[in-house]
């Protein structure tokens, strides 16, 4: 019997409609036949995917042609590119760990395999101020661009004039464009979807900056050999991430309950609460638990808080608001950080200076690991999981 060649029909059933899909869009950019699309609407309204649900809430879907929404004639003929690109398909974790690190993660490595853990920040005051928690990611991207280690970076930006707070994929080719995209958004942007734009502009060496689910995409593509797309993703910077929120959190929570219109918001952060700075100079805090009802569905099963397969993982989870907890995972990541450090672009201090941040890293990583369902492919050192609680109905939350 010939070996199975899993394709879109398998991906749709096992990942997209099973609750495992994070919406990273790796399958879309890897598809060589241009039959996959991506829907970043958050209202559940979209083209039906043929299995009784819609394409909304950040998920891929397939066009009617070439096999219809639930099958793929190219896949039947042997194309497996979408399943090879997906960082949640079957034994993704053990495959990436083995390929990237030469071994599987041990049970006590709950936050993934790491070479170094430090606190880091940009030394340039302008970069530090423009970025989040010390501007480290911006500094690394600028250094990599200037040293021709990358041609462009796939990042997120704020759509329109920046007042809608709609996070959208974007390409940064210059230091100015990096700084223009700096800062954190807590709604979702599939930054991989900026890949075609970058390639059309001639870029061949790309950095991907994204949530932990997206940070696994380059390593997965290299592991399962997705060709040019894999070779072009030269650097992966992952953002520590417990969850992201639907865009509806702005009108339904921040504005309806606290009078904070999205067009008036200048900056956001999460430090146990939603920290919100407004354009008039005001500062506001919203309890984080009040946002649970707007948790994005793609986050409910994601087991990766710590961007375990990025070259460098970063997150502002410590007591020092202008330093970023930085996890160097690969030789490529070490080369980038050490180069920037040698040139005085960034500075570091021991992670032991903030033991609480390291403890929180492991605690949040353990919580996320428990989300991975028992019915899915087991990863190394699995922590017993419980079914995640779905966000309460928005109508109830908004009225509480």
Protein backbone atom coordinates (compact mmCIF):
# COMPACT_ATOMS: atom_id res chain seq x y z
CA UNK A 1 0.00 0.00 0.00
CA UNK A 2 1.54 3.38 -0.96
CA UNK A 3 2.33 5.76 1.91
CA UNK A 4 -0.27 8.35 2.81
CA UNK A 5 0.23 11.81 1.37
CA UNK A 6 -1.76 14.11 3.65
CA UNK A 7 -3.11 17.23 2.01
CA UNK A 8 -5.82 19.89 2.46
CA UNK A 9 -8.61 17.43 3.24
CA UNK A 10 -6.56 16.10 6.16
CA UNK A 11 -5.47 19.56 7.30
CA UNK A 12 -9.04 20.85 7.26
CA UNK A 13 -10.30 17.94 9.35
CA UNK A 14 -7.38 17.53 11.76
CA UNK A 15 -6.39 21.15 12.34
CA UNK A 16 -8.58 23.86 10.80
CA UNK A 17 -11.95 22.64 12.10
CA UNK A 18 -10.74 20.65 15.11
CA UNK A 19 -9.76 23.64 17.23
CA UNK A 20 -6.00 23.26 16.75
CA UNK A 21 -5.64 25.96 14.09
CA UNK A 22 -3.96 29.09 15.43
CA UNK A 23 -4.48 31.07 12.22
CA UNK A 24 -0.77 31.43 11.45
CA UNK A 25 -1.50 31.21 7.67
CA UNK A 26 1.62 29.14 6.93
CA UNK A 27 -0.46 26.85 4.73
CA UNK A 28 -1.67 29.81 2.66
CA UNK A 29 1.76 31.19 1.81
CA UNK A 30 3.15 27.70 1.18
CA UNK A 31 0.42 26.65 -1.27
CA UNK A 32 1.99 26.56 -4.77
CA UNK A 33 -1.39 26.39 -6.53
CA UNK A 34 -2.98 29.51 -5.03
CA UNK A 35 -6.15 27.72 -3.93
CA UNK A 36 -6.02 28.66 -0.25
CA UNK A 37 -7.28 31.95 1.15
CA UNK A 38 -7.22 33.58 4.56
CA UNK A 39 -10.05 35.27 6.40
CA UNK A 40 -9.12 37.70 9.16
CA UNK A 41 -12.65 38.78 9.98
CA UNK A 42 -13.66 38.38 13.59
CA UNK A 43 -17.43 38.44 13.37
CA UNK A 44 -17.84 34.86 12.18
CA UNK A 45 -19.11 36.04 8.81
CA UNK A 46 -17.31 34.59 5.81
CA UNK A 47 -17.55 32.13 2.98
CA UNK A 48 -18.75 28.80 4.26
CA UNK A 49 -16.07 26.15 4.27
CA UNK A 50 -18.43 23.30 3.47
CA UNK A 51 -18.48 21.71 6.90
CA UNK A 52 -21.09 23.81 8.62
CA UNK A 53 -18.91 26.64 9.89
CA UNK A 54 -17.58 29.86 8.46
CA UNK A 55 -14.09 30.91 7.52
CA UNK A 56 -13.97 33.75 10.01
CA UNK A 57 -11.89 34.14 13.15
CA UNK A 58 -8.53 33.97 11.44
CA UNK A 59 -8.52 30.68 9.59
CA UNK A 60 -7.57 29.46 6.12
CA UNK A 61 -10.16 28.28 3.62
CA UNK A 62 -10.09 26.81 0.17
CA UNK A 63 -11.66 28.12 -3.03
CA UNK A 64 -14.54 26.32 -4.72
CA UNK A 65 -12.41 25.27 -7.70
CA UNK A 66 -10.01 22.32 -7.75
CA UNK A 67 -11.92 19.99 -5.45
CA UNK A 68 -14.16 22.36 -3.56
CA UNK A 69 -13.80 23.66 0.00
CA UNK A 70 -13.22 20.28 1.65
CA UNK A 71 -10.87 18.59 -0.81
CA UNK A 72 -8.08 19.49 -3.22
CA UNK A 73 -7.40 17.98 -6.63
CA UNK A 74 -3.75 19.01 -6.32
CA UNK A 75 -3.54 17.17 -3.01
CA UNK A 76 -5.12 14.07 -4.49
CA UNK A 77 -2.40 14.17 -7.15
CA UNK A 78 0.32 14.32 -4.49
CA UNK A 79 0.77 17.94 -3.31
CA UNK A 80 1.33 17.98 0.45
CA UNK A 81 2.67 21.50 0.84
CA UNK A 82 -0.06 22.82 3.16
CA UNK A 83 0.31 20.01 5.69
CA UNK A 84 4.10 20.26 5.53
CA UNK A 85 3.93 23.96 6.37
CA UNK A 86 1.47 23.68 9.26
CA UNK A 87 3.07 23.98 12.72
CA UNK A 88 0.16 22.16 14.33
CA UNK A 89 -0.22 19.17 12.01
CA UNK A 90 0.34 15.77 13.63
CA UNK A 91 3.82 15.30 15.17
CA UNK A 92 4.88 18.91 14.59
CA UNK A 93 6.55 19.42 17.95
CA UNK A 94 8.81 16.39 18.03
CA UNK A 95 9.72 16.91 14.39
CA UNK A 96 10.75 20.55 14.90
CA UNK A 97 12.59 19.88 18.16
CA UNK A 98 14.64 17.10 16.57
CA UNK A 99 15.45 19.10 13.44
CA UNK A 100 16.15 22.40 15.20
CA UNK A 101 17.95 21.20 18.32
CA UNK A 102 19.03 17.65 17.51
CA UNK A 103 16.88 16.24 20.31
CA UNK A 104 13.43 16.33 21.79
CA UNK A 105 12.49 18.63 24.60
CA UNK A 106 12.82 17.09 28.07
CA UNK A 107 9.80 17.10 30.40
CA UNK A 108 11.36 19.72 32.68
CA UNK A 109 12.05 22.08 29.74
CA UNK A 110 8.52 23.37 29.98
CA UNK A 111 9.44 26.66 28.26
CA UNK A 112 11.41 24.94 25.51
CA UNK A 113 15.08 24.39 24.74
CA UNK A 114 17.29 27.42 25.30
CA UNK A 115 20.95 28.35 24.85
CA UNK A 116 20.82 31.56 26.88
CA UNK A 117 18.28 33.58 28.87
CA UNK A 118 19.03 37.25 29.53
CA UNK A 119 17.37 40.61 29.98
CA UNK A 120 18.01 42.91 27.02
CA UNK A 121 17.08 46.31 25.63
CA UNK A 122 18.02 48.77 22.89
CA UNK A 123 20.68 51.34 23.74
CA UNK A 124 19.43 53.98 21.30
CA UNK A 125 16.94 56.11 23.28
CA UNK A 126 14.76 56.64 20.20
CA UNK A 127 14.52 52.91 19.47
CA UNK A 128 13.96 52.16 23.14
CA UNK A 129 11.14 54.68 23.37
CA UNK A 130 9.45 53.63 20.12
CA UNK A 131 9.45 49.94 20.94
CA UNK A 132 7.84 47.86 23.65
CA UNK A 133 9.66 46.99 26.88
CA UNK A 134 13.00 48.39 25.79
CA UNK A 135 12.76 48.19 22.01
CA UNK A 136 14.85 45.03 21.71
CA UNK A 137 13.05 43.53 18.70
CA UNK A 138 13.27 46.79 16.76
CA UNK A 139 16.98 47.08 17.56
CA UNK A 140 17.69 43.53 16.39
CA UNK A 141 15.77 44.00 13.15
CA UNK A 142 17.55 47.26 12.37
CA UNK A 143 20.94 45.68 13.09
CA UNK A 144 20.11 42.65 10.90
CA UNK A 145 18.98 44.91 8.04
CA UNK A 146 22.08 47.08 8.24
CA UNK A 147 24.35 44.02 8.26
CA UNK A 148 22.46 42.46 5.32
CA UNK A 149 21.49 39.40 7.30
CA UNK A 150 17.92 40.07 6.19
CA UNK A 151 16.38 42.12 3.37
CA UNK A 152 13.07 42.75 5.08
CA UNK A 153 10.98 41.82 8.10
CA UNK A 154 7.43 40.52 8.21
CA UNK A 155 5.82 42.43 11.06
CA UNK A 156 2.46 43.81 12.14
CA UNK A 157 1.33 47.40 11.82
CA UNK A 158 -1.79 49.36 12.61
CA UNK A 159 -4.13 49.63 9.67
CA UNK A 160 -5.49 52.83 8.16
CA UNK A 161 -4.25 55.85 10.09
CA UNK A 162 -3.47 53.89 13.24
CA UNK A 163 -6.65 54.87 15.04
CA UNK A 164 -8.63 51.71 14.30
CA UNK A 165 -6.13 49.52 16.18
CA UNK A 166 -6.62 46.86 13.52
CA UNK A 167 -3.41 44.84 13.42
CA UNK A 168 -2.40 44.02 9.85
CA UNK A 169 0.59 42.23 8.26
CA UNK A 170 3.28 44.58 6.98
CA UNK A 171 6.77 44.57 5.49
CA UNK A 172 9.60 46.60 7.05
CA UNK A 173 12.61 47.21 4.78
CA UNK A 174 14.25 50.19 6.49
CA UNK A 175 14.95 51.30 10.06
CA UNK A 176 12.21 53.89 9.72
CA UNK A 177 9.68 51.25 8.70
CA UNK A 178 10.77 49.03 11.59
CA UNK A 179 10.18 51.85 14.06
CA UNK A 180 6.85 52.73 12.44
CA UNK A 181 5.65 49.19 13.18
CA UNK A 182 7.10 49.08 16.71
CA UNK A 183 4.95 48.39 19.74
CA UNK A 184 2.59 45.62 20.74
CA UNK A 185 -0.89 44.88 19.50
CA UNK A 186 -3.02 42.43 21.41
CA UNK A 187 -5.30 41.55 18.54
CA UNK A 188 -4.04 39.08 15.94
CA UNK A 189 -2.13 39.71 12.76
CA UNK A 190 -0.96 36.78 10.60
CA UNK A 191 2.35 38.42 9.73
CA UNK A 192 3.18 35.56 7.39
CA UNK A 193 0.61 37.03 5.00
CA UNK A 194 3.03 39.88 4.23
CA UNK A 195 5.32 37.31 2.57
CA UNK A 196 4.03 37.80 -1.03
CA UNK A 197 4.43 41.56 -0.74
CA UNK A 198 8.02 41.18 0.47
CA UNK A 199 8.91 38.76 -2.32
CA UNK A 200 7.32 40.93 -5.00
CA UNK A 201 9.57 43.76 -3.81
CA UNK A 202 12.64 41.56 -4.31
CA UNK A 203 13.43 40.44 -0.77
CA UNK A 204 15.09 37.02 -0.44
CA UNK A 205 16.09 36.89 3.24
CA UNK A 206 13.22 37.57 5.60
CA UNK A 207 12.78 37.90 9.32
CA UNK A 208 9.42 36.83 10.69
CA UNK A 209 8.27 38.53 13.87
CA UNK A 210 5.16 37.03 15.35
CA UNK A 211 3.30 35.39 18.17
CA UNK A 212 4.60 32.06 19.39
CA UNK A 213 2.39 30.11 16.97
CA UNK A 214 3.84 32.01 14.01
CA UNK A 215 7.38 31.68 15.36
CA UNK A 216 7.25 27.92 14.68
CA UNK A 217 6.50 28.45 10.98
CA UNK A 218 10.08 28.89 9.65
CA UNK A 219 11.37 25.88 11.59
CA UNK A 220 8.42 23.74 10.52
CA UNK A 221 8.86 24.69 6.88
CA UNK A 222 12.56 23.86 6.96
CA UNK A 223 11.91 20.60 8.78
CA UNK A 224 9.34 19.40 6.26
CA UNK A 225 11.08 21.03 3.29
CA UNK A 226 8.67 23.52 1.76
CA UNK A 227 11.19 24.82 -0.76
CA UNK A 228 11.77 28.51 -1.47
CA UNK A 229 9.44 29.75 1.23
CA UNK A 230 11.41 27.88 3.88
CA UNK A 231 14.76 29.08 2.56
CA UNK A 232 13.66 32.71 2.52
CA UNK A 233 12.59 32.77 6.17
CA UNK A 234 16.05 33.46 7.55
CA UNK A 235 15.23 34.64 11.08
CA UNK A 236 12.37 33.98 13.48
CA UNK A 237 11.72 36.30 16.43
CA UNK A 238 8.91 35.05 18.63
CA UNK A 239 6.81 37.06 21.05
CA UNK A 240 5.83 35.41 24.32
CA UNK A 241 2.08 35.05 24.13
CA UNK A 242 -0.66 33.64 26.34
CA UNK A 243 -3.46 34.78 24.06
CA UNK A 244 -4.67 37.45 21.69
CA UNK A 245 -8.06 39.11 21.58
CA UNK A 246 -10.77 39.65 18.99
CA UNK A 247 -10.94 43.17 17.60
CA UNK A 248 -14.40 43.48 19.13
CA UNK A 249 -12.75 44.03 22.52
CA UNK A 250 -12.28 47.69 21.59
CA UNK A 251 -15.94 48.71 21.12
CA UNK A 252 -17.48 46.08 23.39
CA UNK A 253 -15.20 46.40 26.43
CA UNK A 254 -12.82 49.35 26.34
CA UNK A 255 -15.32 51.81 24.90
CA UNK A 256 -18.65 50.45 26.14
CA UNK A 257 -17.52 49.90 29.71
CA UNK A 258 -14.68 52.38 30.19
CA UNK A 259 -15.33 55.07 27.60
CA UNK A 260 -11.99 54.47 25.86
CA UNK A 261 -12.60 54.88 22.15
CA UNK A 262 -10.07 53.06 20.01
CA UNK A 263 -9.21 56.20 18.03
CA UNK A 264 -8.15 57.84 21.29
CA UNK A 265 -5.78 55.03 22.34
CA UNK A 266 -2.08 55.80 21.76
CA UNK A 267 -0.40 52.75 23.31
CA UNK A 268 -1.23 49.50 25.08
CA UNK A 269 0.59 47.01 27.25
CA UNK A 270 -0.32 44.10 29.50
CA UNK A 271 1.29 43.84 32.93
CA UNK A 272 -1.29 41.88 34.88
CA UNK A 273 -3.83 44.44 33.64
CA UNK A 274 -4.52 46.17 30.35
CA UNK A 275 -2.43 49.32 30.49
CA UNK A 276 -3.88 51.93 28.14
CA UNK A 277 -2.38 55.31 27.31
CA UNK A 278 -4.59 57.79 25.50
CA UNK A 279 -3.64 60.53 23.07
CA UNK A 280 -4.58 63.23 25.57
CA UNK A 281 -1.86 62.02 27.94
CA UNK A 282 -4.15 59.93 30.12
CA UNK A 283 -3.40 56.51 31.58
CA UNK A 284 -5.99 53.83 32.35
CA UNK A 285 -6.03 50.27 33.66
CA UNK A 286 -8.58 47.60 32.81
CA UNK A 287 -8.61 44.28 34.73
CA UNK A 288 -7.23 41.55 32.50
CA UNK A 289 -9.91 39.08 33.55
CA UNK A 290 -12.54 41.31 31.98
CA UNK A 291 -11.02 40.62 28.57
CA UNK A 292 -11.36 36.83 28.73
CA UNK A 293 -14.69 36.89 26.92
CA UNK A 294 -12.91 38.27 23.86
CA UNK A 295 -10.16 35.63 23.74
CA UNK A 296 -9.49 34.68 20.14
CA UNK A 297 -10.69 31.14 19.40
CA UNK A 298 -7.37 30.21 17.78
CA UNK A 299 -5.62 30.65 21.13
CA UNK A 300 -7.71 28.20 23.16
CA UNK A 301 -5.68 25.10 22.22
CA UNK A 302 -2.28 26.67 21.62
CA UNK A 303 0.32 25.03 23.91
CA UNK A 304 3.20 27.40 23.19
CA UNK A 305 3.54 30.47 25.39
CA UNK A 306 7.31 30.75 25.08
CA UNK A 307 7.81 30.77 21.27
CA UNK A 308 9.70 27.51 21.66
CA UNK A 309 10.87 27.27 18.05
CA UNK A 310 11.95 30.85 17.40
CA UNK A 311 15.60 31.77 16.99
CA UNK A 312 15.01 34.38 19.69
CA UNK A 313 11.95 34.61 21.94
CA UNK A 314 11.17 37.85 23.75
CA UNK A 315 8.62 39.22 26.17
CA UNK A 316 8.20 42.01 28.69
CA UNK A 317 7.03 39.92 31.61
CA UNK A 318 9.38 41.12 34.33
CA UNK A 319 9.46 43.90 36.88
CA UNK A 320 11.68 46.10 34.70
CA UNK A 321 9.41 47.81 32.19
CA UNK A 322 12.27 48.81 29.88
CA UNK A 323 13.99 45.40 29.72
CA UNK A 324 12.81 42.38 27.74
CA UNK A 325 13.20 38.80 28.90
CA UNK A 326 15.14 37.28 26.00
CA UNK A 327 15.50 33.56 25.25
CA UNK A 328 18.16 32.64 22.72
CA UNK A 329 17.28 29.25 21.26
CA UNK A 330 19.45 28.70 18.18
CA UNK A 331 22.93 29.47 16.86
CA UNK A 332 21.34 31.94 14.45
CA UNK A 333 19.69 33.73 17.34
CA UNK A 334 22.94 33.84 19.26
CA UNK A 335 24.78 35.27 16.24
CA UNK A 336 22.22 38.06 15.90
CA UNK A 337 22.16 38.99 19.58
CA UNK A 338 25.93 38.79 20.06
CA UNK A 339 26.52 40.86 16.93
CA UNK A 340 24.14 43.58 18.09
CA UNK A 341 25.68 43.44 21.55
CA UNK A 342 29.23 43.77 20.17
CA UNK A 343 28.20 46.82 18.14
CA UNK A 344 26.62 48.46 21.16
CA UNK A 345 23.13 48.37 19.64
CA UNK A 346 21.72 46.42 22.58
CA UNK A 347 22.76 45.78 26.14
CA UNK A 348 22.05 42.82 28.38
CA UNK A 349 22.00 41.88 32.02
CA UNK A 350 21.62 38.47 33.69
CA UNK A 351 18.13 37.00 33.81
CA UNK A 352 18.86 36.28 37.49
CA UNK A 353 18.44 40.01 38.08
CA UNK A 354 14.72 39.36 37.71
CA UNK A 355 14.05 35.85 39.07
CA UNK A 356 10.35 36.59 39.11
CA UNK A 357 10.33 36.97 35.33
CA UNK A 358 11.95 33.57 34.85
CA UNK A 359 9.52 31.97 37.29
CA UNK A 360 6.60 33.60 35.48
CA UNK A 361 7.95 32.36 32.14
CA UNK A 362 7.80 28.78 33.38
CA UNK A 363 4.43 29.20 35.07
CA UNK A 364 2.75 30.66 31.99
CA UNK A 365 4.43 28.10 29.74
CA UNK A 366 3.06 25.32 31.93
CA UNK A 367 -0.44 26.77 31.76
CA UNK A 368 -0.28 26.92 27.97
CA UNK A 369 1.06 23.36 27.71
CA UNK A 370 -2.07 22.10 29.41
CA UNK A 371 -4.21 23.38 26.55
CA UNK A 372 -3.00 20.76 24.06
CA UNK A 373 -5.72 18.11 23.88
CA UNK A 374 -5.12 14.44 24.60
CA UNK A 375 -6.74 13.56 21.30
CA UNK A 376 -4.03 15.37 19.31
CA UNK A 377 -0.53 14.13 18.51
CA UNK A 378 1.48 13.90 21.71
CA UNK A 379 4.55 16.06 22.19
CA UNK A 380 7.55 15.36 24.43
CA UNK A 381 7.00 15.74 28.14
CA UNK A 382 3.29 16.33 27.78
CA UNK A 383 1.65 17.85 30.80
CA UNK A 384 -1.81 16.43 31.52
CA UNK A 385 -4.31 18.77 29.99
CA UNK A 386 -7.84 19.81 30.69
CA UNK A 387 -10.27 21.10 28.11
CA UNK A 388 -9.95 24.89 27.91
CA UNK A 389 -12.89 26.93 28.99
CA UNK A 390 -14.49 28.82 26.14
CA UNK A 391 -14.89 32.55 26.64
CA UNK A 392 -18.26 33.42 28.08
CA UNK A 393 -20.79 34.77 25.64
CA UNK A 394 -20.00 38.34 24.73
CA UNK A 395 -23.55 39.44 25.28
CA UNK A 396 -23.37 38.22 28.85
CA UNK A 397 -19.92 39.72 29.40
CA UNK A 398 -20.86 43.05 27.95
CA UNK A 399 -23.88 43.22 30.17
CA UNK A 400 -22.25 42.10 33.38
